[in-house]
Amino acid sequence: MAGDRPFLTGAFHTSDLSPTPLRDHRLAASSWIEAPDRLLHLGDELDEPVEYKRRIGRFLLWRAGPAVGEARYLAVDPDSGEIITFDLHGKTGLGHGPDGSRHTRFRTWKESLLGRVQS
């Protein structure tokens, strides 16, 4: 189970973050040296750790909470510092993408992250 994977110890720079999902371990936001303060506190209200998920285009995707249920996602563009969030409530949620659109589906929100890079 994904939540049973151990967190890596140590500190990591942006260039160390994997472009694909991590399969055998997890990386806590507190281990990312360049982490913005907003990311470090993403899981505070949920009492959940914040972990790295993957790159989507230029964005780094992080999540606090389970994949389905009450969770918060944050995507950060490490070059510009732009931060985009999505709050998940069960299988639907709410977030505004970098495309300026309001998204209720996580999939379309992620697609907007990728579209930002292609424009």
Protein backbone atom coordinates (compact mmCIF):
# COMPACT_ATOMS: atom_id res chain seq x y z
CA MET A 1 0.00 0.00 0.00
CA ALA A 2 1.30 3.45 -0.93
CA GLY A 3 0.87 4.89 2.57
CA ASP A 4 3.08 2.14 3.99
CA ARG A 5 6.10 3.14 1.92
CA PRO A 6 8.86 4.70 4.01
CA PHE A 7 9.81 8.35 3.73
CA LEU A 8 13.33 8.97 2.47
CA THR A 9 15.62 10.77 4.86
CA GLY A 10 17.89 13.58 3.85
CA ALA A 11 17.45 16.79 1.94
CA PHE A 12 16.69 17.12 -1.77
CA HIS A 13 17.00 19.89 -4.33
CA THR A 14 14.51 20.45 -7.17
CA SER A 15 16.84 18.73 -9.63
CA ASP A 16 16.70 15.58 -7.46
CA LEU A 17 12.91 15.18 -7.76
CA SER A 18 11.78 12.34 -10.01
CA PRO A 19 9.68 13.14 -13.09
CA THR A 20 7.58 10.00 -12.54
CA PRO A 21 5.67 8.66 -9.52
CA LEU A 22 7.79 7.17 -6.75
CA ARG A 23 7.10 3.44 -6.36
CA ASP A 24 9.15 2.19 -3.41
CA HIS A 25 9.42 5.21 -1.11
CA ARG A 26 7.93 8.62 -0.34
CA LEU A 27 9.46 12.07 -0.19
CA ALA A 28 8.17 14.55 2.39
CA ALA A 29 7.77 18.21 1.49
CA SER A 30 9.97 19.05 4.47
CA SER A 31 12.86 17.25 2.70
CA TRP A 32 12.68 19.54 -0.34
CA ILE A 33 15.22 22.30 0.27
CA GLU A 34 13.45 24.85 -1.98
CA ALA A 35 9.94 24.10 -0.63
CA PRO A 36 7.71 27.18 -0.32
CA ASP A 37 6.17 27.75 3.09
CA ARG A 38 2.66 27.22 1.73
CA LEU A 39 3.60 23.68 0.69
CA LEU A 40 5.08 22.86 4.08
CA HIS A 41 1.71 23.64 5.70
CA LEU A 42 -0.55 22.05 3.06
CA GLY A 43 -1.53 19.14 5.33
CA ASP A 44 -1.88 21.04 8.61
CA GLU A 45 -5.69 21.19 8.64
CA LEU A 46 -5.96 17.55 7.55
CA ASP A 47 -3.27 16.37 9.99
CA GLU A 48 -1.63 14.57 7.05
CA PRO A 49 1.95 14.53 5.79
CA VAL A 50 2.69 16.25 2.50
CA GLU A 51 4.42 14.06 -0.06
CA TYR A 52 5.82 14.45 -3.53
CA LYS A 53 3.88 12.74 -6.32
CA ARG A 54 5.47 13.61 -9.70
CA ARG A 55 6.26 16.28 -12.27
CA ILE A 56 3.55 17.44 -14.65
CA GLY A 57 5.25 19.58 -17.24
CA ARG A 58 7.16 22.21 -15.28
CA PHE A 59 4.98 21.76 -12.21
CA LEU A 60 5.89 19.64 -9.19
CA LEU A 61 2.82 17.88 -7.77
CA TRP A 62 2.43 17.32 -4.02
CA ARG A 63 -0.43 15.84 -1.96
CA ALA A 64 -1.60 15.85 1.65
CA GLY A 65 -4.14 13.12 2.38
CA PRO A 66 -5.34 10.00 0.57
CA ALA A 67 -5.76 9.57 -3.20
CA VAL A 68 -9.55 9.38 -2.75
CA GLY A 69 -11.15 11.24 0.13
CA GLU A 70 -10.27 14.49 1.83
CA ALA A 71 -6.98 15.61 0.30
CA ARG A 72 -5.21 18.72 -0.88
CA TYR A 73 -2.99 18.93 -3.90
CA LEU A 74 -0.50 21.66 -4.63
CA ALA A 75 1.42 22.15 -7.85
CA VAL A 76 4.34 24.53 -7.85
CA ASP A 77 6.35 25.81 -10.78
CA PRO A 78 9.86 25.93 -9.28
CA ASP A 79 11.03 28.46 -11.89
CA SER A 80 8.35 31.11 -11.38
CA GLY A 81 7.11 30.18 -7.90
CA GLU A 82 3.51 29.97 -9.21
CA ILE A 83 1.33 27.82 -6.94
CA ILE A 84 -1.91 26.12 -8.02
CA THR A 85 -4.10 24.09 -5.62
CA PHE A 86 -6.89 21.53 -5.83
CA ASP A 87 -9.02 20.36 -2.86
CA LEU A 88 -10.38 16.84 -3.24
CA HIS A 89 -13.58 15.75 -1.47
CA GLY A 90 -14.18 12.09 -2.22
CA LYS A 91 -14.05 11.74 -5.99
CA THR A 92 -14.72 15.37 -6.87
CA GLY A 93 -13.18 18.61 -5.77
CA LEU A 94 -12.44 22.20 -6.62
CA GLY A 95 -9.45 24.06 -7.92
CA HIS A 96 -8.50 26.75 -10.37
CA GLY A 97 -5.95 25.76 -12.95
CA PRO A 98 -3.21 27.83 -14.49
CA ASP A 99 -5.51 28.05 -17.52
CA GLY A 100 -7.80 30.31 -15.45
CA SER A 101 -10.63 27.76 -15.46
CA ARG A 102 -12.48 26.37 -12.45
CA HIS A 103 -12.06 22.60 -12.24
CA THR A 104 -14.20 20.11 -10.29
CA ARG A 105 -12.45 17.03 -11.67
CA PHE A 106 -8.90 16.26 -10.65
CA ARG A 107 -8.11 14.93 -14.14
CA THR A 108 -9.02 18.19 -15.89
CA TRP A 109 -7.09 20.17 -13.29
CA LYS A 110 -3.98 18.07 -14.03
CA GLU A 111 -4.53 18.50 -17.75
CA SER A 112 -4.56 22.27 -17.21
CA LEU A 113 -1.12 21.98 -15.57
CA LEU A 114 0.21 20.25 -18.65
CA GLY A 115 -1.50 22.73 -20.98
CA ARG A 116 0.28 25.57 -19.23
CA VAL A 117 3.60 24.16 -20.37
CA GLN A 118 2.47 23.65 -23.96
CA SER A 119 1.13 27.17 -24.53
